[in-house]
Amino acid sequence: LAYNRPGGQGVFAVARCGYVPTASQWQQVLSEMSGLADNETAIAVCPTGTILTGCMCYTPAHSCAGALVHENGCQAFSVPGGGGVYAQARCGDILESSSVLGLMSPRSSQEDD
């Protein structure tokens, strides 16, 4: 899920898909807030023993430039003049996963959501 702010340049949605016969310890990990400058980053890392299954940028100030998978965590980027961003990682203990795949969508339109 990705949101474009009014006047934005478009966004990317990223999905990680896989067959999960057994899974536990699902949790959301929220980073500290990033700085306020352009392209400041925030990183949320999944705890040891879990893997990243979702990654998104969160901000109440419409400051997200996007989020990307970063090792076993999530890295969020801020826009120029924004109010800071948070990275939000979705993590779980997946004992018997197979065919885990990271995908990135094409850039969205520049229209407001």
N, C-alpha and C. Protein backbone atom coordinates (compact mmCIF):
# COMPACT_ATOMS: atom_id res chain seq x y z
N LEU A 1 0.85 -1.17 0.00
CA LEU A 1 0.00 0.00 0.00
C LEU A 1 0.89 1.23 0.00
N ALA A 2 0.64 2.15 -0.89
CA ALA A 2 1.42 3.38 -0.98
C ALA A 2 0.48 4.54 -1.26
N TYR A 3 0.74 5.67 -0.65
CA TYR A 3 -0.09 6.86 -0.82
C TYR A 3 0.71 7.98 -1.46
N ASN A 4 0.11 8.65 -2.42
CA ASN A 4 0.73 9.82 -3.04
C ASN A 4 0.13 11.07 -2.43
N ARG A 5 0.96 12.02 -2.03
CA ARG A 5 0.45 13.25 -1.43
C ARG A 5 0.01 14.20 -2.54
N PRO A 6 -0.81 15.20 -2.23
CA PRO A 6 -1.21 16.19 -3.24
C PRO A 6 0.02 16.84 -3.87
N GLY A 7 0.07 16.86 -5.19
CA GLY A 7 1.21 17.43 -5.89
C GLY A 7 2.44 16.54 -5.90
N GLY A 8 2.30 15.30 -5.44
CA GLY A 8 3.43 14.38 -5.35
C GLY A 8 3.92 13.93 -6.71
N GLN A 9 5.07 13.28 -6.72
CA GLN A 9 5.71 12.81 -7.96
C GLN A 9 5.39 11.35 -8.25
N GLY A 10 4.46 10.76 -7.52
CA GLY A 10 4.14 9.34 -7.69
C GLY A 10 4.82 8.51 -6.62
N VAL A 11 4.36 7.31 -6.43
CA VAL A 11 4.87 6.44 -5.39
C VAL A 11 5.06 5.03 -5.93
N PHE A 12 5.76 4.19 -5.18
CA PHE A 12 5.92 2.77 -5.50
C PHE A 12 5.26 1.95 -4.40
N ALA A 13 4.65 0.85 -4.77
CA ALA A 13 4.18 -0.13 -3.80
C ALA A 13 5.10 -1.34 -3.89
N VAL A 14 5.47 -1.92 -2.75
CA VAL A 14 6.36 -3.07 -2.72
C VAL A 14 5.64 -4.21 -2.02
N ALA A 15 5.74 -5.41 -2.59
CA ALA A 15 5.11 -6.59 -1.99
C ALA A 15 6.13 -7.70 -1.83
N ARG A 16 6.03 -8.43 -0.75
CA ARG A 16 6.84 -9.63 -0.54
C ARG A 16 5.85 -10.77 -0.36
N CYS A 17 5.94 -11.77 -1.24
CA CYS A 17 4.94 -12.84 -1.27
C CYS A 17 5.60 -14.19 -1.00
N GLY A 18 4.87 -15.09 -0.39
CA GLY A 18 5.40 -16.43 -0.15
C GLY A 18 4.37 -17.33 0.47
N TYR A 19 4.61 -18.61 0.42
CA TYR A 19 3.76 -19.62 1.04
C TYR A 19 4.24 -19.79 2.48
N VAL A 20 3.33 -19.66 3.45
CA VAL A 20 3.70 -19.70 4.86
C VAL A 20 2.87 -20.76 5.58
N PRO A 21 3.37 -22.00 5.64
CA PRO A 21 2.60 -23.05 6.32
C PRO A 21 2.56 -22.88 7.84
N THR A 22 3.62 -22.34 8.42
CA THR A 22 3.63 -22.06 9.86
C THR A 22 4.27 -20.70 10.07
N ALA A 23 3.67 -19.90 10.87
CA ALA A 23 4.22 -18.57 11.16
C ALA A 23 3.75 -18.13 12.54
N SER A 24 4.59 -17.35 13.22
CA SER A 24 4.24 -16.86 14.55
C SER A 24 5.01 -15.57 14.82
N GLN A 25 4.79 -15.01 15.97
CA GLN A 25 5.47 -13.80 16.43
C GLN A 25 5.30 -12.62 15.47
N TRP A 26 4.12 -12.48 14.86
CA TRP A 26 3.88 -11.33 13.98
C TRP A 26 3.94 -10.06 14.79
N GLN A 27 4.60 -9.05 14.26
CA GLN A 27 4.71 -7.77 14.96
C GLN A 27 5.02 -6.63 14.00
N GLN A 28 4.62 -5.44 14.40
CA GLN A 28 4.96 -4.22 13.68
C GLN A 28 6.13 -3.58 14.44
N VAL A 29 7.16 -3.18 13.72
CA VAL A 29 8.29 -2.49 14.33
C VAL A 29 8.31 -1.07 13.76
N LEU A 30 8.21 -0.07 14.62
CA LEU A 30 8.21 1.33 14.21
C LEU A 30 9.55 1.96 14.59
N SER A 31 10.17 2.64 13.64
CA SER A 31 11.47 3.29 13.89
C SER A 31 11.30 4.56 14.70
N GLU A 32 12.41 5.16 15.06
CA GLU A 32 12.44 6.53 15.56
C GLU A 32 12.13 7.44 14.37
N MET A 33 11.71 8.67 14.62
CA MET A 33 11.44 9.60 13.54
C MET A 33 12.76 10.05 12.89
N SER A 34 12.73 10.22 11.57
CA SER A 34 13.90 10.70 10.84
C SER A 34 14.13 12.18 11.12
N GLY A 35 15.22 12.70 10.59
CA GLY A 35 15.44 14.14 10.60
C GLY A 35 14.48 14.83 9.64
N LEU A 36 14.59 16.14 9.51
CA LEU A 36 13.64 16.91 8.72
C LEU A 36 14.14 17.29 7.33
N ALA A 37 15.41 17.07 7.01
CA ALA A 37 15.97 17.47 5.72
C ALA A 37 15.52 16.51 4.61
N ASP A 38 15.73 16.91 3.36
CA ASP A 38 15.43 16.08 2.20
C ASP A 38 16.20 14.77 2.27
N ASN A 39 15.52 13.67 1.97
CA ASN A 39 16.10 12.32 1.95
C ASN A 39 16.65 11.85 3.29
N GLU A 40 16.22 12.46 4.39
CA GLU A 40 16.55 11.89 5.70
C GLU A 40 15.89 10.51 5.76
N THR A 41 16.50 9.60 6.48
CA THR A 41 15.96 8.24 6.54
C THR A 41 15.66 7.80 7.96
N ALA A 42 14.78 6.84 8.05
CA ALA A 42 14.47 6.15 9.30
C ALA A 42 14.49 4.66 8.96
N ILE A 43 15.02 3.84 9.87
CA ILE A 43 15.13 2.40 9.61
C ILE A 43 14.51 1.64 10.77
N ALA A 44 13.61 0.71 10.44
CA ALA A 44 13.02 -0.22 11.41
C ALA A 44 13.56 -1.60 11.08
N VAL A 45 14.16 -2.28 12.05
CA VAL A 45 14.78 -3.59 11.82
C VAL A 45 13.98 -4.67 12.53
N CYS A 46 13.76 -5.77 11.83
CA CYS A 46 13.06 -6.91 12.43
C CYS A 46 13.95 -7.57 13.48
N PRO A 47 13.34 -8.05 14.57
CA PRO A 47 14.12 -8.73 15.62
C PRO A 47 14.76 -10.01 15.09
N THR A 48 15.85 -10.42 15.73
CA THR A 48 16.52 -11.67 15.39
C THR A 48 15.52 -12.81 15.46
N GLY A 49 15.56 -13.69 14.47
CA GLY A 49 14.65 -14.84 14.42
C GLY A 49 13.37 -14.57 13.65
N THR A 50 13.19 -13.33 13.19
CA THR A 50 12.02 -13.00 12.37
C THR A 50 12.51 -12.48 11.02
N ILE A 51 11.60 -12.48 10.03
CA ILE A 51 11.94 -11.93 8.73
C ILE A 51 10.95 -10.83 8.37
N LEU A 52 11.41 -9.93 7.53
CA LEU A 52 10.58 -8.83 7.06
C LEU A 52 9.57 -9.33 6.05
N THR A 53 8.30 -9.01 6.26
CA THR A 53 7.25 -9.37 5.30
C THR A 53 6.51 -8.15 4.78
N GLY A 54 6.76 -6.98 5.35
CA GLY A 54 6.12 -5.76 4.87
C GLY A 54 6.92 -4.54 5.27
N CYS A 55 6.86 -3.48 4.45
CA CYS A 55 7.65 -2.28 4.69
C CYS A 55 6.88 -1.08 4.18
N MET A 56 6.74 -0.05 5.04
CA MET A 56 6.09 1.16 4.58
C MET A 56 6.61 2.38 5.32
N CYS A 57 6.40 3.53 4.71
CA CYS A 57 6.74 4.81 5.30
C CYS A 57 5.48 5.36 5.94
N TYR A 58 5.62 5.93 7.14
CA TYR A 58 4.48 6.53 7.85
C TYR A 58 4.85 7.93 8.30
N THR A 59 3.93 8.86 8.13
CA THR A 59 4.09 10.20 8.66
C THR A 59 2.73 10.88 8.71
N PRO A 60 2.43 11.58 9.79
CA PRO A 60 1.18 12.34 9.82
C PRO A 60 1.30 13.65 9.03
N ALA A 61 2.51 14.01 8.58
CA ALA A 61 2.75 15.30 7.93
C ALA A 61 2.88 15.19 6.40
N HIS A 62 2.47 14.06 5.81
CA HIS A 62 2.58 13.85 4.36
C HIS A 62 4.01 14.08 3.87
N SER A 63 4.98 13.53 4.58
CA SER A 63 6.39 13.77 4.28
C SER A 63 7.10 12.57 3.67
N CYS A 64 6.39 11.50 3.36
CA CYS A 64 7.04 10.28 2.85
C CYS A 64 7.43 10.42 1.39
N ALA A 65 8.68 10.12 1.10
CA ALA A 65 9.15 10.02 -0.29
C ALA A 65 9.13 8.56 -0.72
N GLY A 66 8.99 7.63 0.21
CA GLY A 66 8.94 6.21 -0.11
C GLY A 66 9.64 5.37 0.95
N ALA A 67 9.59 4.06 0.74
CA ALA A 67 10.23 3.11 1.64
C ALA A 67 10.74 1.93 0.83
N LEU A 68 11.89 1.40 1.24
CA LEU A 68 12.51 0.26 0.57
C LEU A 68 12.96 -0.76 1.60
N VAL A 69 12.99 -2.02 1.17
CA VAL A 69 13.54 -3.08 2.01
C VAL A 69 15.03 -2.81 2.18
N HIS A 70 15.50 -2.90 3.41
CA HIS A 70 16.91 -2.67 3.74
C HIS A 70 17.36 -3.82 4.63
N GLU A 71 18.11 -4.77 4.04
CA GLU A 71 18.52 -5.98 4.75
C GLU A 71 17.29 -6.64 5.35
N ASN A 72 17.23 -6.87 6.67
CA ASN A 72 16.04 -7.47 7.28
C ASN A 72 15.22 -6.40 7.98
N GLY A 73 15.06 -5.27 7.30
CA GLY A 73 14.30 -4.16 7.86
C GLY A 73 13.74 -3.28 6.76
N CYS A 74 13.27 -2.13 7.18
CA CYS A 74 12.59 -1.19 6.30
C CYS A 74 13.22 0.18 6.44
N GLN A 75 13.50 0.84 5.31
CA GLN A 75 14.09 2.18 5.32
C GLN A 75 13.12 3.14 4.65
N ALA A 76 12.72 4.19 5.37
CA ALA A 76 11.80 5.20 4.86
C ALA A 76 12.56 6.49 4.58
N PHE A 77 12.10 7.23 3.56
CA PHE A 77 12.77 8.46 3.11
C PHE A 77 11.82 9.64 3.21
N SER A 78 12.33 10.80 3.61
CA SER A 78 11.51 12.01 3.73
C SER A 78 11.64 12.90 2.49
N VAL A 79 10.65 13.76 2.29
CA VAL A 79 10.66 14.72 1.20
C VAL A 79 11.27 16.03 1.68
N PRO A 80 11.67 16.92 0.75
CA PRO A 80 12.21 18.23 1.16
C PRO A 80 11.17 19.02 1.95
N GLY A 81 11.60 19.62 3.04
CA GLY A 81 10.71 20.45 3.85
C GLY A 81 9.64 19.68 4.61
N GLY A 82 9.80 18.37 4.70
CA GLY A 82 8.80 17.55 5.38
C GLY A 82 8.93 17.60 6.89
N GLY A 83 8.02 16.90 7.54
CA GLY A 83 8.01 16.90 9.00
C GLY A 83 8.60 15.65 9.61
N GLY A 84 9.45 14.94 8.88
CA GLY A 84 10.04 13.71 9.39
C GLY A 84 9.17 12.51 9.08
N VAL A 85 9.79 11.33 9.02
CA VAL A 85 9.09 10.10 8.68
C VAL A 85 9.47 8.98 9.64
N TYR A 86 8.67 7.95 9.65
CA TYR A 86 8.92 6.72 10.39
C TYR A 86 8.93 5.56 9.41
N ALA A 87 9.80 4.59 9.62
CA ALA A 87 9.76 3.33 8.87
C ALA A 87 8.94 2.35 9.70
N GLN A 88 8.10 1.60 9.03
CA GLN A 88 7.28 0.61 9.71
C GLN A 88 7.51 -0.75 9.05
N ALA A 89 8.05 -1.69 9.82
CA ALA A 89 8.35 -3.03 9.33
C ALA A 89 7.35 -4.02 9.90
N ARG A 90 6.89 -4.95 9.05
CA ARG A 90 6.04 -6.05 9.50
C ARG A 90 6.93 -7.28 9.52
N CYS A 91 7.04 -7.94 10.69
CA CYS A 91 7.99 -9.03 10.88
C CYS A 91 7.28 -10.26 11.43
N GLY A 92 7.82 -11.43 11.13
CA GLY A 92 7.26 -12.67 11.67
C GLY A 92 8.31 -13.77 11.67
N ASP A 93 8.06 -14.78 12.49
CA ASP A 93 8.90 -15.97 12.55
C ASP A 93 8.27 -16.99 11.60
N ILE A 94 8.91 -17.20 10.47
CA ILE A 94 8.38 -18.09 9.45
C ILE A 94 9.32 -19.28 9.35
N LEU A 95 8.92 -20.38 9.97
CA LEU A 95 9.81 -21.54 10.09
C LEU A 95 10.00 -22.29 8.78
N GLU A 96 8.95 -22.43 7.99
CA GLU A 96 9.04 -23.26 6.80
C GLU A 96 8.63 -22.50 5.55
N SER A 97 9.08 -21.27 5.42
CA SER A 97 8.70 -20.48 4.24
C SER A 97 9.42 -20.98 3.00
N SER A 98 8.78 -20.78 1.88
CA SER A 98 9.40 -21.11 0.60
C SER A 98 8.97 -20.07 -0.42
N SER A 99 9.76 -19.88 -1.41
CA SER A 99 9.45 -18.98 -2.52
C SER A 99 9.18 -17.55 -2.07
N VAL A 100 9.94 -17.04 -1.09
CA VAL A 100 9.80 -15.65 -0.68
C VAL A 100 10.41 -14.78 -1.76
N LEU A 101 9.68 -13.75 -2.19
CA LEU A 101 10.07 -12.95 -3.34
C LEU A 101 9.78 -11.49 -3.08
N GLY A 102 10.73 -10.60 -3.35
CA GLY A 102 10.51 -9.16 -3.23
C GLY A 102 10.14 -8.58 -4.58
N LEU A 103 9.10 -7.75 -4.63
CA LEU A 103 8.62 -7.15 -5.87
C LEU A 103 8.46 -5.65 -5.70
N MET A 104 8.66 -4.89 -6.78
CA MET A 104 8.42 -3.45 -6.76
C MET A 104 7.53 -3.11 -7.95
N SER A 105 6.51 -2.31 -7.69
CA SER A 105 5.58 -1.90 -8.74
C SER A 105 6.21 -0.82 -9.62
N PRO A 106 5.57 -0.55 -10.77
CA PRO A 106 5.96 0.64 -11.53
C PRO A 106 5.56 1.89 -10.75
N ARG A 107 6.14 3.04 -11.09
CA ARG A 107 5.78 4.30 -10.42
C ARG A 107 4.32 4.62 -10.70
N SER A 108 3.62 5.10 -9.69
CA SER A 108 2.22 5.49 -9.85
C SER A 108 2.10 6.78 -10.64
N SER A 109 0.87 7.17 -10.90
CA SER A 109 0.66 8.48 -11.52
C SER A 109 0.98 9.57 -10.52
N GLN A 110 0.97 10.82 -10.96
CA GLN A 110 1.26 11.93 -10.08
C GLN A 110 -0.02 12.56 -9.54
N GLU A 111 -1.15 11.91 -9.73
CA GLU A 111 -2.42 12.41 -9.24
C GLU A 111 -2.53 12.18 -7.74
N ASP A 112 -3.28 13.03 -7.07
CA ASP A 112 -3.55 12.87 -5.64
C ASP A 112 -4.38 11.61 -5.44
N ASP A 113 -4.16 10.91 -4.31
CA ASP A 113 -4.94 9.73 -4.00
C ASP A 113 -6.34 10.13 -3.79
